[in-house]
Amino acid sequence: MRCRNVLVFGGGFQGLGLIKALRKVAGIRILVADPNEENVARYFADAFFPVPFSKEKQVFLDFILPLCTRESVEAIFASTEHEVELLAPHYDAFAASGVVAYVSGFSLLKLAWDKLLFYRWLIEEGLPSLPCYISPLDDDAIFPLIGKPRRGWGARGLHVLADREAFLKLTIDQNQEFIWQPCLHEFDEYSVDFSISVDGNISPLAFRRRIRSKNGFAILCEPGAPAHVRETAQHVLERTVPLGACGPMNLQILRTGDRCWVSDLNSRAGTSMPLSLAIGFNPIAFLLGGGAAAPAEADVINGVPAPGSHARTLRYLEERNILDLKLDEVRGVVFELDDTLLDQKAWMIRKLELTWHEEKIVLPARTTFLSTALQIIEEGNHACLFDTLCLQLGLGDAIRVRMIETYNQTQPKDCPLYGDVQATLGQLRRLGYRIGILADNPPASQRQKLDVCGLLPLTDAGVLTAERGTKKPDPKVFEECARLLNLAPKQLVMVGNNVFRDVQGSCNAGFRHAFHIQRAGALFNFSPDLMRSVGNAMPGCTSISSLNELFWYLKGCENVASQQKR
């Protein structure tokens, strides 16, 4: 499957929500562009490109359009209003280059960027909005009042006035315009995540009631919303489509009892969109396809969580330590195949499914057969799978032999590669690294996987250890892989899931470093900490949770990396 290249413009904290949503869409290579080289989002993308600092929009366009062409970018998303403002004027230029810029037209943007215009528009459209005043001294102003920067966002710069005297004592930046509305004392605030396609189609809506938030950033929420809130949101969004609304967006609604009022419209994805991802809503998947845009009907009915399904969604910070491993001299990366690039258990179940279809006349019901086989695999007895399967299901030896023959001959139509594999291998090649595969297990089975998964065009060499009459951690197979890559062992790093065979074996063979990756649900669950506790120091091992973390340490072969920054 070909990777689609998607650019996230803006690598700050706001870009992380977009990246999380994109990670849930199959076959996406995520690029980040930002003027600040040290930004958080770049560490969770597949590639990063520094944008030149400049207030000149033409300078931006002269950089971003060639980047899109060079990297075959198909779509661009803006992290904040600042990036939306830069992208919007060039929508047609991007379209002419075959790139979809998911930003709204200016008729919509001028409402999203100006609260006074937005509230007046709501009133003109007959949509619920609190009264709006230019000044607290207006005759009909109802105190207490809350003042919002006319062009502000994120709950910043708010002022609450108890009466007119409080306004007279207030010091406000004379260069900043405010709008004033009645300040509600008891209310619920609802945030609505959604997206609108370039054809004007509205995605499923993800509602959440804010329970705890800080400066506009939701931390703890309750999924769902009452019917009148959902209806109000739908009516607002339907009226934004003729104005050119497009891309991921966010709407906010205030509610008291059976009344509600629209309070804000964001022209980009909500900063707290990951809370919607947590219950299965993905506005980005709606735009790009390849992933679930909304949860199953059993979980959410008409935008409201079913009883007992979702009570709270929450966000928290996570800390990571990135060491300087000094891998500048590395020129190649060697990967284990099973449970590093390919989900071994998923592959086995696909072959068992085909085996059942071929032999079902002598086998029990599909669910019984597959669930029994899966239990055997999950409990760690996969090496004796068919012996144990026949024993538990009461099947004779002739059927066991027949199943083994059928299993070996069956070939799934596709291969369960992990979602980060193709983008990572493609980026490593762009950065100038040579790529090898070093795998144990029967050669016929491994070659079948390689043929089906389509990885061979992304690799430079492969060693199937059984064909060499040995297996990892024998240093000979690591040395042979280095020879085929035409590199010295010290110019290579190993990436694998087995701390004994992959990590220790590569270190003993003289590899520069090894990365241990523990895939969720893999056949084995290795612990580097336990390995160290029994006396194996493993100084050349770093644990990673996904393959794109390799780019925290592998910056590219010198000449190629420098060209990518141009």
Protein backbone atom coordinates (compact mmCIF):
# COMPACT_ATOMS: atom_id res chain seq x y z
CA MET A 1 0.00 0.00 0.00
CA ARG A 2 1.32 3.40 -0.97
CA CYS A 3 1.79 5.96 1.79
CA ARG A 4 -0.05 9.25 1.43
CA ASN A 5 1.98 12.28 2.48
CA VAL A 6 0.18 14.77 4.73
CA LEU A 7 1.73 18.01 5.96
CA VAL A 8 0.91 19.50 9.37
CA PHE A 9 1.79 23.18 9.25
CA GLY A 10 2.67 24.31 12.76
CA GLY A 11 4.65 22.05 15.06
CA GLY A 12 3.63 23.38 18.46
CA PHE A 13 1.46 21.69 21.06
CA GLN A 14 -1.64 22.28 18.94
CA GLY A 15 -0.17 20.17 16.15
CA LEU A 16 -0.06 17.09 18.38
CA GLY A 17 -3.82 16.62 18.19
CA LEU A 18 -3.67 16.54 14.40
CA ILE A 19 -0.80 14.05 14.49
CA LYS A 20 -2.70 11.77 16.88
CA ALA A 21 -5.69 11.83 14.54
CA LEU A 22 -3.52 11.17 11.48
CA ARG A 23 -1.85 8.20 13.21
CA LYS A 24 -5.26 6.52 13.31
CA VAL A 25 -5.63 6.74 9.52
CA ALA A 26 -4.00 3.90 7.61
CA GLY A 27 -1.15 4.57 5.20
CA ILE A 28 -0.27 8.14 6.21
CA ARG A 29 3.24 9.60 6.28
CA ILE A 30 3.14 12.65 8.54
CA LEU A 31 5.31 15.69 7.80
CA VAL A 32 5.63 18.71 10.07
CA ALA A 33 6.74 22.19 8.97
CA ASP A 34 7.44 24.98 11.45
CA PRO A 35 9.80 27.99 11.74
CA ASN A 36 10.98 26.73 15.14
CA GLU A 37 13.26 23.74 14.76
CA GLU A 38 12.79 22.76 18.40
CA ASN A 39 9.08 22.03 18.51
CA VAL A 40 7.21 19.18 20.19
CA ALA A 41 5.28 17.88 17.19
CA ARG A 42 8.38 17.06 15.13
CA TYR A 43 9.21 14.24 17.57
CA PHE A 44 5.98 12.45 16.71
CA ALA A 45 6.07 12.97 12.94
CA ASP A 46 7.85 11.00 10.23
CA ALA A 47 9.74 14.01 8.91
CA PHE A 48 10.30 17.65 9.86
CA PHE A 49 11.04 20.66 7.64
CA PRO A 50 12.03 24.09 9.03
CA VAL A 51 10.10 26.96 7.46
CA PRO A 52 12.01 30.23 6.96
CA PHE A 53 11.13 33.05 9.35
CA SER A 54 9.52 35.83 7.33
CA LYS A 55 6.50 38.11 7.38
CA GLU A 56 6.48 38.09 3.59
CA LYS A 57 3.80 35.70 2.39
CA GLN A 58 5.58 35.16 -0.91
CA VAL A 59 8.64 33.85 0.92
CA PHE A 60 6.39 31.32 2.62
CA LEU A 61 4.78 30.29 -0.66
CA ASP A 62 8.14 29.97 -2.42
CA PHE A 63 9.19 27.50 0.29
CA ILE A 64 6.02 25.51 0.90
CA LEU A 65 4.94 24.79 -2.70
CA PRO A 66 8.27 23.20 -3.76
CA LEU A 67 8.24 21.23 -0.50
CA CYS A 68 4.81 19.85 -1.34
CA THR A 69 5.99 18.90 -4.83
CA ARG A 70 9.22 17.31 -3.63
CA GLU A 71 7.51 15.28 -0.90
CA SER A 72 4.37 14.45 -2.95
CA VAL A 73 2.13 16.06 -0.33
CA GLU A 74 -1.58 15.42 -0.88
CA ALA A 75 -3.08 17.42 1.98
CA ILE A 76 -2.15 20.22 4.41
CA PHE A 77 -3.63 20.93 7.84
CA ALA A 78 -3.09 24.08 9.89
CA SER A 79 -2.39 23.78 13.62
CA THR A 80 -3.54 27.25 14.70
CA GLU A 81 -5.22 30.36 13.30
CA HIS A 82 -1.75 31.74 12.50
CA GLU A 83 -1.14 28.93 10.01
CA VAL A 84 -4.71 29.16 8.69
CA GLU A 85 -4.07 32.83 7.92
CA LEU A 86 -0.96 31.91 5.93
CA LEU A 87 -2.53 29.02 4.03
CA ALA A 88 -5.93 30.49 3.16
CA PRO A 89 -4.81 33.08 0.55
CA HIS A 90 -2.99 30.34 -1.38
CA TYR A 91 -5.75 27.75 -1.53
CA ASP A 92 -5.94 27.92 -5.32
CA ALA A 93 -2.17 27.71 -5.70
CA PHE A 94 -2.12 24.54 -3.63
CA ALA A 95 -5.06 23.10 -5.56
CA ALA A 96 -3.26 23.77 -8.85
CA SER A 97 -0.37 21.67 -7.50
CA GLY A 98 -2.69 18.81 -6.54
CA VAL A 99 -2.64 19.62 -2.82
CA VAL A 100 -5.79 20.00 -0.70
CA ALA A 101 -5.34 22.74 1.88
CA TYR A 102 -7.97 22.03 4.52
CA VAL A 103 -8.77 25.64 5.37
CA SER A 104 -12.01 27.60 5.07
CA GLY A 105 -12.81 30.44 2.68
CA PHE A 106 -12.52 34.05 3.81
CA SER A 107 -16.29 34.50 4.21
CA LEU A 108 -16.16 31.97 7.01
CA LEU A 109 -12.76 32.99 8.37
CA LYS A 110 -13.74 36.60 8.97
CA LEU A 111 -16.51 35.33 11.27
CA ALA A 112 -14.25 32.86 13.08
CA TRP A 113 -11.59 35.52 13.63
CA ASP A 114 -13.91 38.33 14.76
CA LYS A 115 -16.32 37.66 17.62
CA LEU A 116 -18.35 40.79 16.97
CA LEU A 117 -19.02 39.78 13.36
CA PHE A 118 -19.68 36.20 14.44
CA TYR A 119 -22.28 37.13 17.06
CA ARG A 120 -24.00 39.52 14.67
CA TRP A 121 -24.09 36.78 12.05
CA LEU A 122 -25.64 34.35 14.53
CA ILE A 123 -28.37 36.84 15.33
CA GLU A 124 -29.04 37.53 11.63
CA GLU A 125 -29.35 33.78 11.00
CA GLY A 126 -31.76 33.35 13.91
CA LEU A 127 -29.25 31.22 15.83
CA PRO A 128 -29.00 31.44 19.63
CA SER A 129 -26.44 33.98 20.84
CA LEU A 130 -26.14 36.06 23.99
CA PRO A 131 -26.55 39.84 23.58
CA CYS A 132 -23.37 41.56 22.47
CA TYR A 133 -22.18 45.08 23.36
CA ILE A 134 -19.39 47.23 22.01
CA SER A 135 -19.01 48.93 25.39
CA PRO A 136 -20.10 48.16 28.96
CA LEU A 137 -21.47 51.72 28.99
CA ASP A 138 -24.15 50.83 26.43
CA ASP A 139 -27.56 51.70 27.85
CA ASP A 140 -28.96 48.18 27.48
CA ALA A 141 -25.89 46.37 28.89
CA ILE A 142 -26.88 43.72 31.44
CA PHE A 143 -24.40 43.25 34.29
CA PRO A 144 -22.39 41.31 35.25
CA LEU A 145 -20.52 41.34 31.92
CA ILE A 146 -17.70 39.30 30.52
CA GLY A 147 -15.32 41.00 28.10
CA LYS A 148 -13.55 39.02 25.38
CA PRO A 149 -10.85 40.25 22.98
CA ARG A 150 -12.65 40.72 19.70
CA ARG A 151 -9.95 38.71 17.91
CA GLY A 152 -8.80 36.53 20.80
CA TRP A 153 -8.93 32.79 21.42
CA GLY A 154 -8.25 30.19 24.10
CA ALA A 155 -9.95 32.01 27.02
CA ARG A 156 -7.12 34.53 27.10
CA GLY A 157 -7.49 38.16 28.18
CA LEU A 158 -11.00 37.86 29.62
CA HIS A 159 -12.44 40.47 32.02
CA VAL A 160 -15.49 40.15 34.25
CA LEU A 161 -17.28 43.33 35.40
CA ALA A 162 -19.79 43.41 38.24
CA ASP A 163 -21.05 46.91 37.33
CA ARG A 164 -20.21 50.11 35.38
CA GLU A 165 -17.97 51.37 38.15
CA ALA A 166 -15.76 48.31 37.75
CA PHE A 167 -15.29 49.17 34.06
CA LEU A 168 -14.20 52.71 34.90
CA LYS A 169 -11.46 51.29 37.13
CA LEU A 170 -10.34 48.70 34.57
CA THR A 171 -7.05 49.13 32.69
CA ILE A 172 -7.29 47.75 29.16
CA ASP A 173 -4.78 47.83 26.34
CA GLN A 174 -6.02 50.67 24.13
CA ASN A 175 -4.85 48.76 21.04
CA GLN A 176 -7.12 45.79 21.79
CA GLU A 177 -10.84 45.82 21.01
CA PHE A 178 -13.27 43.98 23.26
CA ILE A 179 -16.82 42.78 22.97
CA TRP A 180 -19.03 42.37 26.04
CA GLN A 181 -21.76 39.87 26.86
CA PRO A 182 -23.83 38.95 29.93
CA CYS A 183 -21.74 36.77 32.23
CA LEU A 184 -23.49 33.52 33.10
CA HIS A 185 -22.99 32.24 36.64
CA GLU A 186 -24.18 28.65 36.34
CA PHE A 187 -23.72 27.02 32.95
CA ASP A 188 -22.29 24.03 31.12
CA GLU A 189 -19.87 24.53 28.25
CA TYR A 190 -19.92 22.08 25.34
CA SER A 191 -17.19 21.67 22.77
CA VAL A 192 -18.00 20.17 19.38
CA ASP A 193 -15.34 18.67 17.12
CA PHE A 194 -16.20 18.14 13.47
CA SER A 195 -14.87 18.54 9.96
CA ILE A 196 -16.32 19.65 6.64
CA SER A 197 -15.09 18.20 3.36
CA VAL A 198 -14.19 20.24 0.29
CA ASP A 199 -17.59 19.17 -1.10
CA GLY A 200 -19.40 20.65 1.90
CA ASN A 201 -20.23 17.36 3.64
CA ILE A 202 -20.36 17.56 7.44
CA SER A 203 -18.76 14.80 9.50
CA PRO A 204 -20.37 13.14 12.53
CA LEU A 205 -20.22 15.56 15.47
CA ALA A 206 -18.29 14.80 18.65
CA PHE A 207 -19.77 16.54 21.73
CA ARG A 208 -18.20 16.85 25.14
CA ARG A 209 -19.10 18.79 28.26
CA ARG A 210 -16.11 20.51 29.79
CA ILE A 211 -15.57 19.64 33.43
CA ARG A 212 -12.06 21.01 33.95
CA SER A 213 -10.14 23.29 31.60
CA LYS A 214 -7.22 25.72 31.75
CA ASN A 215 -6.86 28.72 29.41
CA GLY A 216 -9.22 27.13 26.91
CA PHE A 217 -7.48 23.75 27.10
CA ALA A 218 -9.88 21.00 28.17
CA ILE A 219 -8.43 18.47 30.60
CA LEU A 220 -11.44 16.51 31.86
CA CYS A 221 -14.70 16.13 29.94
CA GLU A 222 -17.92 14.16 29.75
CA PRO A 223 -18.80 12.89 26.24
CA GLY A 224 -22.22 13.68 24.79
CA ALA A 225 -24.72 16.55 24.91
CA PRO A 226 -28.49 17.13 25.34
CA ALA A 227 -30.68 17.07 22.26
CA HIS A 228 -31.16 20.86 22.03
CA VAL A 229 -27.39 21.40 22.13
CA ARG A 230 -26.89 18.84 19.36
CA GLU A 231 -29.63 20.40 17.26
CA THR A 232 -28.18 23.89 17.71
CA ALA A 233 -24.74 22.72 16.60
CA GLN A 234 -26.16 21.02 13.51
CA HIS A 235 -28.07 24.16 12.52
CA VAL A 236 -24.96 26.35 12.90
CA LEU A 237 -22.77 24.04 10.84
CA GLU A 238 -25.31 23.75 8.05
CA ARG A 239 -25.24 27.54 7.71
CA THR A 240 -21.41 27.65 7.60
CA VAL A 241 -21.16 25.42 4.53
CA PRO A 242 -22.31 28.13 2.04
CA LEU A 243 -19.64 30.42 3.55
CA GLY A 244 -16.86 28.02 2.52
CA ALA A 245 -16.31 26.17 5.79
CA CYS A 246 -13.74 23.43 5.22
CA GLY A 247 -11.42 21.19 7.22
CA PRO A 248 -11.34 20.24 10.89
CA MET A 249 -13.08 22.81 13.09
CA ASN A 250 -14.51 23.34 16.56
CA LEU A 251 -17.70 24.92 17.89
CA GLN A 252 -18.47 25.89 21.49
CA ILE A 253 -21.91 26.18 23.06
CA LEU A 254 -23.02 27.39 26.51
CA ARG A 255 -26.07 25.79 28.17
CA THR A 256 -28.28 26.65 31.13
CA GLY A 257 -31.21 24.30 31.62
CA ASP A 258 -33.14 24.00 28.39
CA ARG A 259 -31.51 27.08 26.81
CA CYS A 260 -28.22 27.28 24.98
CA TRP A 261 -26.12 29.89 23.16
CA VAL A 262 -23.31 29.59 20.63
CA SER A 263 -20.13 31.15 22.05
CA ASP A 264 -17.20 30.46 19.71
CA LEU A 265 -16.24 29.06 16.32
CA ASN A 266 -12.66 27.90 15.69
CA SER A 267 -11.51 27.66 12.10
CA ARG A 268 -9.02 24.89 12.91
CA ALA A 269 -9.05 21.65 14.86
CA GLY A 270 -9.76 22.04 18.54
CA THR A 271 -6.71 21.81 20.77
CA SER A 272 -8.51 19.15 22.79
CA MET A 273 -9.59 17.07 19.78
CA PRO A 274 -7.73 14.01 21.23
CA LEU A 275 -10.57 13.76 23.76
CA SER A 276 -12.88 13.04 20.82
CA LEU A 277 -10.36 10.54 19.45
CA ALA A 278 -10.51 8.75 22.80
CA ILE A 279 -14.16 7.74 22.21
CA GLY A 280 -13.70 6.90 18.55
CA PHE A 281 -14.58 10.15 16.75
CA ASN A 282 -11.93 11.15 14.20
CA PRO A 283 -12.75 14.25 12.11
CA ILE A 284 -9.50 13.80 10.14
CA ALA A 285 -10.42 10.26 9.13
CA PHE A 286 -13.67 11.67 7.73
CA LEU A 287 -11.65 13.91 5.40
CA LEU A 288 -8.97 11.42 4.38
CA GLY A 289 -10.70 8.06 4.68
CA GLY A 290 -8.81 4.97 5.80
CA GLY A 291 -10.04 5.10 9.39
CA ALA A 292 -13.18 5.22 11.51
CA ALA A 293 -14.73 8.69 11.50
CA ALA A 294 -17.16 7.82 14.29
CA PRO A 295 -17.53 5.09 16.94
CA ALA A 296 -19.73 2.05 16.59
CA GLU A 297 -23.45 2.54 17.08
CA ALA A 298 -23.26 0.46 20.24
CA ASP A 299 -21.02 3.04 21.86
CA VAL A 300 -22.67 6.31 20.80
CA ILE A 301 -26.27 6.90 19.79
CA ASN A 302 -27.04 10.25 18.11
CA GLY A 303 -23.95 11.80 19.61
CA VAL A 304 -24.73 10.66 23.15
CA PRO A 305 -22.75 7.84 24.79
CA ALA A 306 -24.81 4.74 25.46
CA PRO A 307 -25.41 3.94 29.15
CA GLY A 308 -22.29 2.61 30.77
CA SER A 309 -20.01 3.32 27.80
CA HIS A 310 -18.07 6.57 28.38
CA ALA A 311 -18.32 8.56 31.61
CA ARG A 312 -15.19 10.72 31.32
CA THR A 313 -12.41 11.58 28.92
CA LEU A 314 -9.19 13.09 30.21
CA ARG A 315 -5.83 14.33 28.99
CA TYR A 316 -2.50 14.32 30.75
CA LEU A 317 1.10 15.15 30.00
CA GLU A 318 3.71 12.52 29.30
CA GLU A 319 7.45 12.85 29.73
CA ARG A 320 10.10 11.36 27.47
CA ASN A 321 13.88 11.42 27.72
CA ILE A 322 15.80 11.63 24.44
CA LEU A 323 19.47 10.75 24.79
CA ASP A 324 22.25 11.88 22.52
CA LEU A 325 23.39 8.49 21.24
CA LYS A 326 25.96 10.00 18.86
CA LEU A 327 24.92 7.94 15.85
CA ASP A 328 26.27 10.33 13.21
CA GLU A 329 28.46 7.60 11.70
CA VAL A 330 25.58 5.17 11.23
CA ARG A 331 24.75 4.44 7.60
CA GLY A 332 22.34 1.53 7.80
CA VAL A 333 19.43 0.08 9.81
CA VAL A 334 18.69 -3.64 10.14
CA PHE A 335 15.20 -4.79 11.15
CA GLU A 336 13.78 -7.99 12.56
CA LEU A 337 10.65 -8.96 10.60
CA ASP A 338 8.22 -10.62 13.02
CA ASP A 339 6.66 -8.38 15.69
CA THR A 340 8.87 -5.50 14.58
CA LEU A 341 7.64 -4.80 11.06
CA LEU A 342 4.86 -7.37 10.85
CA ASP A 343 2.19 -8.44 13.35
CA GLN A 344 3.03 -12.13 13.64
CA LYS A 345 -0.13 -13.16 15.48
CA ALA A 346 -2.37 -11.35 12.99
CA TRP A 347 -0.51 -13.13 10.15
CA MET A 348 -1.04 -16.50 11.82
CA ILE A 349 -4.76 -15.86 12.34
CA ARG A 350 -5.17 -14.88 8.68
CA LYS A 351 -3.54 -18.13 7.60
CA LEU A 352 -5.66 -20.09 10.08
CA GLU A 353 -8.78 -18.41 8.67
CA LEU A 354 -7.81 -19.57 5.18
CA THR A 355 -7.01 -23.02 6.55
CA TRP A 356 -10.47 -23.28 8.10
CA HIS A 357 -12.16 -22.29 4.82
CA GLU A 358 -10.22 -24.97 2.97
CA GLU A 359 -10.79 -27.71 5.56
CA LYS A 360 -14.05 -26.71 7.22
CA ILE A 361 -15.73 -29.96 6.26
CA VAL A 362 -13.60 -31.77 8.88
CA LEU A 363 -13.23 -28.90 11.37
CA PRO A 364 -15.56 -27.46 14.03
CA ALA A 365 -17.39 -24.13 13.59
CA ARG A 366 -15.24 -21.17 12.55
CA THR A 367 -15.52 -19.30 15.86
CA THR A 368 -14.67 -22.40 17.90
CA PHE A 369 -11.70 -23.26 15.69
CA LEU A 370 -10.22 -19.75 15.54
CA SER A 371 -10.85 -18.79 19.17
CA THR A 372 -9.25 -22.03 20.38
CA ALA A 373 -6.26 -21.46 18.11
CA LEU A 374 -5.95 -17.87 19.28
CA GLN A 375 -6.00 -18.90 22.92
CA ILE A 376 -3.18 -21.38 22.29
CA ILE A 377 -1.15 -18.67 20.53
CA GLU A 378 -1.85 -16.06 23.20
CA GLU A 379 -0.85 -18.42 25.98
CA GLY A 380 2.54 -18.92 24.38
CA ASN A 381 2.21 -22.43 22.93
CA HIS A 382 2.30 -21.40 19.29
CA ALA A 383 5.28 -23.66 18.54
CA CYS A 384 2.99 -26.67 19.15
CA LEU A 385 -0.11 -25.00 17.76
CA PHE A 386 -1.55 -27.82 15.69
CA ASP A 387 -0.72 -30.57 18.19
CA THR A 388 -2.44 -28.65 20.97
CA LEU A 389 -5.32 -27.59 18.73
CA CYS A 390 -6.11 -31.17 17.75
CA LEU A 391 -5.83 -32.30 21.36
CA GLN A 392 -8.28 -29.66 22.60
CA LEU A 393 -10.74 -30.09 19.72
CA GLY A 394 -10.56 -33.91 19.66
CA LEU A 395 -9.19 -34.10 16.11
CA GLY A 396 -7.16 -37.03 14.82
CA ASP A 397 -3.60 -37.14 13.53
CA ALA A 398 -4.67 -37.32 9.89
CA ILE A 399 -6.52 -34.02 10.26
CA ARG A 400 -3.48 -32.52 12.04
CA VAL A 401 -1.21 -33.40 9.10
CA ARG A 402 -3.80 -32.12 6.65
CA MET A 403 -4.13 -28.80 8.50
CA ILE A 404 -0.37 -28.27 8.63
CA GLU A 405 -0.06 -28.86 4.87
CA THR A 406 -2.93 -26.48 4.12
CA TYR A 407 -1.63 -23.85 6.55
CA ASN A 408 1.81 -23.86 4.91
CA GLN A 409 0.33 -23.53 1.43
CA THR A 410 -2.20 -20.78 2.12
CA GLN A 411 -1.16 -17.22 1.30
CA PRO A 412 -3.12 -14.22 2.58
CA LYS A 413 -3.83 -11.48 0.05
CA ASP A 414 -2.33 -8.80 2.26
CA CYS A 415 0.03 -8.57 5.17
CA PRO A 416 -0.54 -7.07 8.63
CA LEU A 417 2.30 -4.57 8.69
CA TYR A 418 2.31 -2.18 11.62
CA GLY A 419 1.04 1.27 10.75
CA ASP A 420 4.40 3.02 11.16
CA VAL A 421 6.43 0.69 8.93
CA GLN A 422 6.08 2.03 5.40
CA ALA A 423 6.44 5.69 6.36
CA THR A 424 9.50 4.94 8.51
CA LEU A 425 11.29 2.81 5.93
CA GLY A 426 10.53 5.35 3.23
CA GLN A 427 11.89 8.20 5.33
CA LEU A 428 15.04 6.25 6.24
CA ARG A 429 15.73 5.79 2.54
CA ARG A 430 15.14 9.49 1.92
CA LEU A 431 17.72 10.21 4.62
CA GLY A 432 20.25 8.01 2.87
CA TYR A 433 20.27 4.95 5.13
CA ARG A 434 20.61 1.42 3.75
CA ILE A 435 17.98 -0.97 5.06
CA GLY A 436 18.31 -4.66 5.83
CA ILE A 437 16.06 -7.39 7.20
CA LEU A 438 17.45 -10.13 9.44
CA ALA A 439 14.92 -12.81 10.38
CA ASP A 440 14.75 -16.22 12.01
CA ASN A 441 11.95 -18.78 11.44
CA PRO A 442 11.38 -21.05 8.40
CA PRO A 443 12.54 -19.40 5.15
CA ALA A 444 9.47 -20.42 3.14
CA SER A 445 7.18 -18.72 5.63
CA GLN A 446 9.35 -15.58 5.81
CA ARG A 447 9.62 -15.28 2.03
CA GLN A 448 5.87 -15.59 1.77
CA LYS A 449 5.46 -12.68 4.17
CA LEU A 450 7.99 -10.55 2.28
CA ASP A 451 6.29 -11.28 -1.04
CA VAL A 452 2.85 -10.37 0.28
CA CYS A 453 3.75 -7.28 2.30
CA GLY A 454 5.68 -5.52 -0.46
CA LEU A 455 8.63 -4.51 1.70
CA LEU A 456 11.38 -5.74 -0.61
CA PRO A 457 11.47 -2.54 -2.75
CA LEU A 458 12.17 -0.58 0.46
CA THR A 459 15.11 -2.76 1.50
CA ASP A 460 18.67 -3.25 0.25
CA ALA A 461 19.44 -6.68 1.68
CA GLY A 462 17.91 -9.54 3.61
CA VAL A 463 19.23 -12.51 5.53
CA LEU A 464 17.04 -15.46 6.51
CA THR A 465 19.12 -17.15 9.18
CA ALA A 466 17.80 -20.66 8.59
CA GLU A 467 19.24 -20.55 5.08
CA ARG A 468 22.64 -20.00 6.71
CA GLY A 469 22.20 -23.03 8.97
CA THR A 470 22.06 -20.97 12.16
CA LYS A 471 19.99 -18.29 13.88
CA LYS A 472 20.32 -15.16 15.96
CA PRO A 473 22.18 -14.31 18.18
CA ASP A 474 24.97 -15.98 16.17
CA PRO A 475 27.29 -13.06 15.17
CA LYS A 476 27.76 -14.63 11.74
CA VAL A 477 24.26 -13.68 10.53
CA PHE A 478 24.72 -10.07 11.67
CA GLU A 479 28.09 -9.93 9.93
CA GLU A 480 26.56 -11.40 6.77
CA CYS A 481 23.85 -8.71 6.78
CA ALA A 482 26.54 -6.04 7.16
CA ARG A 483 28.46 -7.56 4.24
CA LEU A 484 25.40 -7.53 1.98
CA LEU A 485 24.76 -3.88 2.88
CA ASN A 486 28.45 -3.14 2.14
CA LEU A 487 28.85 -1.55 5.55
CA ALA A 488 30.93 -2.27 8.61
CA PRO A 489 28.99 -3.54 11.66
CA LYS A 490 29.87 -0.33 13.53
CA GLN A 491 27.97 1.61 10.85
CA LEU A 492 24.74 -0.28 11.60
CA VAL A 493 21.98 -0.23 14.19
CA MET A 494 19.57 -3.07 14.88
CA VAL A 495 15.83 -2.73 15.49
CA GLY A 496 14.04 -5.72 16.95
CA ASN A 497 11.68 -7.03 19.61
CA ASN A 498 13.88 -9.77 21.12
CA VAL A 499 16.41 -8.52 23.66
CA PHE A 500 18.35 -11.79 23.55
CA ARG A 501 18.48 -12.50 19.82
CA ASP A 502 18.23 -9.01 18.30
CA VAL A 503 19.67 -6.66 20.89
CA GLN A 504 22.37 -8.77 22.49
CA GLY A 505 23.20 -10.52 19.23
CA SER A 506 23.77 -7.29 17.32
CA CYS A 507 25.83 -5.78 20.12
CA ASN A 508 28.04 -8.88 20.24
CA ALA A 509 28.50 -8.61 16.47
CA GLY A 510 29.80 -5.06 16.78
CA PHE A 511 26.72 -3.07 15.72
CA ARG A 512 26.85 0.56 16.83
CA HIS A 513 23.56 0.42 18.72
CA ALA A 514 20.31 -1.54 19.08
CA PHE A 515 16.72 -0.38 19.50
CA HIS A 516 14.27 -2.60 21.32
CA ILE A 517 10.62 -2.17 20.30
CA GLN A 518 7.81 -3.79 22.26
CA ARG A 519 4.69 -3.97 20.11
CA ALA A 520 1.35 -4.15 21.91
CA GLY A 521 -0.01 -7.69 21.81
CA ALA A 522 3.15 -9.23 20.34
CA LEU A 523 3.97 -12.93 20.77
CA PHE A 524 6.60 -12.13 23.39
CA ASN A 525 6.89 -9.40 25.99
CA PHE A 526 10.56 -8.76 26.75
CA SER A 527 11.85 -6.59 29.58
CA PRO A 528 15.21 -4.84 29.09
CA ASP A 529 15.14 -3.94 32.79
CA LEU A 530 14.96 -7.61 33.80
CA MET A 531 17.71 -8.34 31.30
CA ARG A 532 19.92 -5.83 33.08
CA SER A 533 18.93 -7.12 36.51
CA VAL A 534 20.42 -10.55 35.78
CA GLY A 535 23.75 -9.07 34.79
CA ASN A 536 23.40 -8.15 31.12
CA ALA A 537 24.34 -4.47 31.05
CA MET A 538 23.17 -3.86 27.47
CA PRO A 539 24.83 -0.44 27.22
CA GLY A 540 23.99 -0.20 23.53
CA CYS A 541 20.21 -0.59 23.80
CA THR A 542 17.45 2.02 23.68
CA SER A 543 13.74 1.16 24.02
CA ILE A 544 11.25 2.76 21.64
CA SER A 545 7.47 2.48 21.42
CA SER A 546 7.08 3.19 17.69
CA LEU A 547 9.39 3.19 14.69
CA ASN A 548 9.08 6.92 14.04
CA GLU A 549 11.00 7.43 17.30
CA LEU A 550 14.08 6.26 15.39
CA PHE A 551 14.24 9.78 13.96
CA TRP A 552 14.88 11.14 17.44
CA TYR A 553 18.31 9.55 17.08
CA LEU A 554 18.93 9.05 13.35
CA LYS A 555 19.19 12.47 11.74
CA GLY A 556 20.26 11.29 8.30
CA CYS A 557 23.47 10.67 6.42
CA GLU A 558 25.22 14.02 6.33
CA ASN A 559 24.88 14.95 2.66
CA VAL A 560 21.25 13.82 2.36
CA ALA A 561 20.11 15.46 5.61
CA SER A 562 21.57 18.80 4.56
CA GLN A 563 19.75 18.66 1.22
CA GLN A 564 16.39 17.99 2.93
CA LYS A 565 16.66 21.24 4.90
CA ARG A 566 17.06 23.37 1.80
